[in-house]
Amino acid sequence: MTIKKNHLLELQNEEHDRFMTETVEVILQSNPEALKIKEQYSSLESLVLQEHDSLDRVRKSEITEKKEIADADRDKPIAGMVKVVNGMLNHFNPEIAQAAHTVKLILDKFTGITKLADRKQSSATISMLSQLRTQAGAEIEKLGVTEWLTEIETRNNAFIALDSDQYDEKESNTALPMKEIRALVDNAYNTITERLNALVIVEGEAAYAGIVTKLNLRIDSYNNTLAQRKGKAAAKAAKVEPKA
């Protein structure tokens, strides 16, 4: 009875972090001191916590990039609507020209809205939409720009959703890059599994059957995930492979 090999390098960052977290929990439940791996366990536990920090940093970076794109996207319909309304100020139909003037008075109150800080722009956009709908609803409909308001709202909400997903914690300056911390975690994990396998041989299976079984069940689960992913990738590649 030995701990099975796990293809750690093939795991995605989220999977790797989750597997190592589960491993730490299983070892802790089985009493590291009784297993004679107390020192090795402490090292792994500390490194897994550092991996959490590094993964948070990666997530934060990804969300920041998405936010920048979403912020630029929500600016476009605002700028577009302003141009449309300004273009109707000199409409040949005086009723439409007057409607445009009424709407412009509200828009002018929010001049520079796209240059505000992220959350201030979110709040200002909500306020602008509210005023346009309550104070110039008929004019908005007459100008045929209702869809512009809908699009502004949709894109603003999309940005707010991303903003709420972003981590509030300050990015740690000491957080290691994921590749580097993963290598350290893997080394600590391999040290533990090699020691446990050696102890099984030296002291017998009885004292280690429980921890070995629990770890192997988790290893099987993650290996199955990797096998399924490879199968899907192979099937996809076969579909696009040109026929001879």
Protein backbone atom coordinates (compact mmCIF):
# COMPACT_ATOMS: atom_id res chain seq x y z
CA MET A 1 0.00 0.00 0.00
CA THR A 2 1.52 3.30 -1.12
CA ILE A 3 0.35 6.81 -1.97
CA LYS A 4 -0.33 7.04 -5.67
CA LYS A 5 1.42 9.43 -8.03
CA ASN A 6 -0.41 12.67 -8.69
CA HIS A 7 0.22 14.70 -11.85
CA LEU A 8 0.59 17.98 -9.99
CA LEU A 9 2.11 19.92 -12.89
CA GLU A 10 -0.97 19.30 -15.03
CA LEU A 11 -3.41 20.72 -12.50
CA GLN A 12 -4.78 24.19 -13.12
CA ASN A 13 -4.09 26.79 -10.44
CA GLU A 14 -7.54 26.49 -8.87
CA GLU A 15 -7.35 22.68 -8.88
CA HIS A 16 -3.84 22.66 -7.44
CA ASP A 17 -4.81 25.00 -4.61
CA ARG A 18 -7.93 22.96 -3.85
CA PHE A 19 -6.05 19.64 -3.87
CA MET A 20 -3.37 20.92 -1.53
CA THR A 21 -5.97 22.41 0.80
CA GLU A 22 -7.75 19.06 0.97
CA THR A 23 -4.43 17.31 1.57
CA VAL A 24 -3.59 19.58 4.49
CA GLU A 25 -7.05 18.98 5.98
CA VAL A 26 -6.76 15.20 5.65
CA ILE A 27 -3.31 15.11 7.25
CA LEU A 28 -4.42 17.36 10.09
CA GLN A 29 -7.41 15.13 10.80
CA SER A 30 -5.09 12.10 10.93
CA ASN A 31 -2.71 13.77 13.44
CA PRO A 32 0.62 14.74 11.83
CA GLU A 33 2.52 14.00 15.04
CA ALA A 34 1.16 10.46 15.25
CA LEU A 35 2.07 9.97 11.59
CA LYS A 36 5.62 11.19 12.35
CA ILE A 37 5.41 14.01 9.80
CA LYS A 38 4.73 16.95 12.10
CA GLU A 39 7.64 19.05 10.84
CA GLN A 40 6.94 18.27 7.18
CA TYR A 41 3.24 19.00 7.66
CA SER A 42 3.98 22.42 9.20
CA SER A 43 6.09 23.31 6.18
CA LEU A 44 3.36 22.24 3.74
CA GLU A 45 0.64 24.06 5.68
CA SER A 46 2.62 27.30 5.63
CA LEU A 47 3.32 27.05 1.91
CA VAL A 48 -0.33 26.27 1.09
CA LEU A 49 -1.35 29.48 2.86
CA GLN A 50 1.15 31.34 0.68
CA GLU A 51 -0.35 29.66 -2.36
CA HIS A 52 -3.77 31.02 -1.34
CA ASP A 53 -2.28 34.53 -1.31
CA SER A 54 -0.66 34.10 -4.70
CA LEU A 55 -3.86 32.72 -6.20
CA ASP A 56 -5.81 35.67 -4.82
CA ARG A 57 -3.29 37.90 -6.50
CA VAL A 58 -3.83 36.15 -9.84
CA ARG A 59 -7.60 36.43 -9.48
CA LYS A 60 -7.35 40.09 -8.61
CA SER A 61 -5.17 40.75 -11.64
CA GLU A 62 -7.62 38.96 -13.94
CA ILE A 63 -10.60 40.89 -12.60
CA THR A 64 -8.71 44.18 -12.88
CA GLU A 65 -8.09 43.50 -16.56
CA LYS A 66 -11.75 42.65 -17.13
CA LYS A 67 -12.80 45.78 -15.26
CA GLU A 68 -10.67 47.98 -17.48
CA ILE A 69 -12.37 46.54 -20.55
CA ALA A 70 -15.84 46.84 -18.97
CA ASP A 71 -15.13 50.43 -17.95
CA ALA A 72 -14.22 51.39 -21.52
CA ASP A 73 -17.29 49.55 -22.81
CA ARG A 74 -19.70 51.42 -20.56
CA ASP A 75 -18.26 54.79 -21.65
CA LYS A 76 -19.14 54.21 -25.31
CA PRO A 77 -22.97 54.36 -25.16
CA ILE A 78 -22.80 57.41 -22.89
CA ALA A 79 -20.65 59.26 -25.41
CA GLY A 80 -22.83 57.98 -28.23
CA MET A 81 -26.07 59.16 -26.66
CA VAL A 82 -24.63 62.62 -26.01
CA LYS A 83 -23.72 62.92 -29.69
CA VAL A 84 -27.15 61.74 -30.81
CA VAL A 85 -28.95 64.22 -28.55
CA ASN A 86 -26.66 67.08 -29.58
CA GLY A 87 -27.34 66.23 -33.20
CA MET A 88 -31.07 66.67 -32.65
CA LEU A 89 -30.82 70.14 -31.11
CA ASN A 90 -31.18 71.68 -34.57
CA HIS A 91 -33.79 69.22 -35.82
CA PHE A 92 -36.22 70.69 -38.37
CA ASN A 93 -39.08 69.51 -36.16
CA PRO A 94 -39.25 72.04 -33.27
CA GLU A 95 -40.85 69.48 -30.94
CA ILE A 96 -37.91 67.12 -31.37
CA ALA A 97 -35.45 70.01 -31.02
CA GLN A 98 -37.16 71.00 -27.76
CA ALA A 99 -37.12 67.42 -26.51
CA ALA A 100 -33.40 67.25 -27.28
CA HIS A 101 -32.85 70.48 -25.36
CA THR A 102 -34.67 69.08 -22.31
CA VAL A 103 -32.61 65.90 -22.36
CA LYS A 104 -29.39 67.84 -22.89
CA LEU A 105 -30.01 69.90 -19.77
CA ILE A 106 -29.91 66.70 -17.75
CA LEU A 107 -26.92 65.26 -19.61
CA ASP A 108 -25.00 68.49 -19.07
CA LYS A 109 -25.27 67.96 -15.31
CA PHE A 110 -23.20 64.82 -15.78
CA THR A 111 -20.54 66.25 -18.07
CA GLY A 112 -17.26 64.39 -17.50
CA ILE A 113 -19.02 61.36 -16.00
CA THR A 114 -16.75 58.93 -17.88
CA LYS A 115 -13.69 60.49 -16.25
CA LEU A 116 -14.88 59.88 -12.70
CA ALA A 117 -13.34 57.23 -10.45
CA ASP A 118 -14.83 53.80 -11.00
CA ARG A 119 -17.39 53.66 -8.21
CA LYS A 120 -18.27 57.34 -8.51
CA GLN A 121 -19.03 56.78 -12.19
CA SER A 122 -21.19 53.79 -11.30
CA SER A 123 -23.25 55.87 -8.87
CA ALA A 124 -23.40 58.88 -11.18
CA THR A 125 -24.60 56.71 -14.05
CA ILE A 126 -27.41 55.30 -11.93
CA SER A 127 -28.40 58.84 -10.93
CA MET A 128 -28.25 60.08 -14.53
CA LEU A 129 -30.45 57.26 -15.79
CA SER A 130 -32.94 57.88 -13.00
CA GLN A 131 -33.21 61.58 -13.80
CA LEU A 132 -33.53 60.97 -17.53
CA ARG A 133 -36.35 58.50 -16.99
CA THR A 134 -38.26 60.45 -14.36
CA GLN A 135 -37.71 64.01 -15.61
CA ALA A 136 -37.55 63.46 -19.37
CA GLY A 137 -39.27 60.14 -20.00
CA ALA A 138 -41.57 61.52 -22.70
CA GLU A 139 -38.70 63.37 -24.39
CA ILE A 140 -36.52 60.25 -24.35
CA GLU A 141 -39.27 58.32 -26.08
CA LYS A 142 -39.87 61.12 -28.61
CA LEU A 143 -36.19 61.18 -29.53
CA GLY A 144 -36.16 57.40 -29.89
CA VAL A 145 -33.17 56.94 -27.60
CA THR A 146 -34.74 54.56 -25.08
CA GLU A 147 -32.42 51.76 -26.19
CA TRP A 148 -29.41 53.94 -25.45
CA LEU A 149 -30.49 54.16 -21.80
CA THR A 150 -31.00 50.40 -21.67
CA GLU A 151 -27.53 49.78 -23.07
CA ILE A 152 -25.92 52.27 -20.68
CA GLU A 153 -27.62 50.55 -17.75
CA THR A 154 -26.67 47.06 -18.92
CA ARG A 155 -23.01 47.94 -19.30
CA ASN A 156 -22.89 49.85 -16.04
CA ASN A 157 -24.40 46.89 -14.20
CA ALA A 158 -21.84 44.57 -15.81
CA PHE A 159 -19.05 46.77 -14.49
CA ILE A 160 -20.59 46.93 -11.01
CA ALA A 161 -20.78 43.12 -10.93
CA LEU A 162 -17.08 42.85 -11.71
CA ASP A 163 -16.26 45.52 -9.16
CA SER A 164 -18.10 43.62 -6.44
CA ASP A 165 -16.17 40.46 -7.32
CA GLN A 166 -12.80 42.12 -6.87
CA TYR A 167 -10.96 41.33 -3.69
CA ASP A 168 -10.87 44.11 -1.13
CA GLU A 169 -7.69 42.83 0.44
CA LYS A 170 -4.55 44.79 -0.41
CA GLU A 171 -2.23 42.93 -2.70
CA SER A 172 0.64 41.51 -0.73
CA ASN A 173 4.05 42.69 -1.86
CA THR A 174 5.57 39.45 -0.55
CA ALA A 175 3.26 37.09 -2.46
CA LEU A 176 5.27 34.79 -4.69
CA PRO A 177 4.33 34.18 -8.34
CA MET A 178 2.09 31.12 -8.74
CA LYS A 179 4.68 29.13 -10.68
CA GLU A 180 7.29 29.62 -7.96
CA ILE A 181 5.02 28.92 -4.99
CA ARG A 182 3.53 25.87 -6.70
CA ALA A 183 7.00 24.39 -7.10
CA LEU A 184 7.69 24.89 -3.39
CA VAL A 185 4.34 23.38 -2.42
CA ASP A 186 4.93 20.39 -4.69
CA ASN A 187 8.33 19.76 -3.11
CA ALA A 188 6.82 19.88 0.37
CA TYR A 189 3.99 17.57 -0.68
CA ASN A 190 6.39 15.09 -2.31
CA THR A 191 8.54 15.09 0.84
CA ILE A 192 5.52 14.07 2.89
CA THR A 193 4.30 11.36 0.50
CA GLU A 194 7.78 9.88 0.14
CA ARG A 195 8.19 9.82 3.92
CA LEU A 196 4.78 8.22 4.43
CA ASN A 197 5.50 5.57 1.81
CA ALA A 198 8.81 4.80 3.53
CA LEU A 199 7.12 4.58 6.93
CA VAL A 200 4.57 2.12 5.52
CA ILE A 201 7.45 -0.15 4.51
CA VAL A 202 9.36 0.25 7.77
CA GLU A 203 6.48 0.19 10.29
CA GLY A 204 3.79 -1.68 8.40
CA GLU A 205 0.50 -0.69 6.79
CA ALA A 206 -1.72 -0.75 9.87
CA ALA A 207 -0.80 2.70 11.21
CA TYR A 208 -0.93 4.36 7.80
CA ALA A 209 -3.76 2.61 5.96
CA GLY A 210 -6.23 5.38 6.83
CA ILE A 211 -4.20 8.35 5.58
CA VAL A 212 -2.99 6.50 2.48
CA THR A 213 -6.55 5.53 1.54
CA LYS A 214 -7.89 9.05 2.05
CA LEU A 215 -5.12 10.63 0.00
CA ASN A 216 -5.45 8.07 -2.78
CA LEU A 217 -9.18 8.72 -3.09
CA ARG A 218 -8.46 12.39 -3.68
CA ILE A 219 -5.62 11.65 -6.05
CA ASP A 220 -7.88 9.36 -8.07
CA SER A 221 -10.50 12.10 -8.28
CA TYR A 222 -8.05 14.68 -9.64
CA ASN A 223 -6.38 12.20 -11.98
CA ASN A 224 -9.81 11.36 -13.39
CA THR A 225 -10.42 15.06 -13.98
CA LEU A 226 -7.14 15.30 -15.89
CA ALA A 227 -7.97 12.19 -17.93
CA GLN A 228 -11.38 13.57 -18.88
CA ARG A 229 -9.81 16.88 -19.90
CA LYS A 230 -7.27 15.11 -22.10
CA GLY A 231 -10.04 13.03 -23.65
CA LYS A 232 -12.08 16.09 -24.52
CA ALA A 233 -9.02 17.85 -25.94
CA ALA A 234 -8.18 14.82 -28.09
CA ALA A 235 -11.75 14.56 -29.35
CA LYS A 236 -11.80 18.25 -30.22
CA ALA A 237 -8.47 17.98 -32.03
CA ALA A 238 -9.75 15.00 -34.01
CA LYS A 239 -12.74 17.01 -35.24
CA VAL A 240 -10.63 19.82 -36.64
CA GLU A 241 -7.90 17.60 -38.07
CA PRO A 242 -7.97 17.92 -41.88
CA LYS A 243 -8.86 14.81 -43.81
CA ALA A 244 -6.17 13.30 -46.03
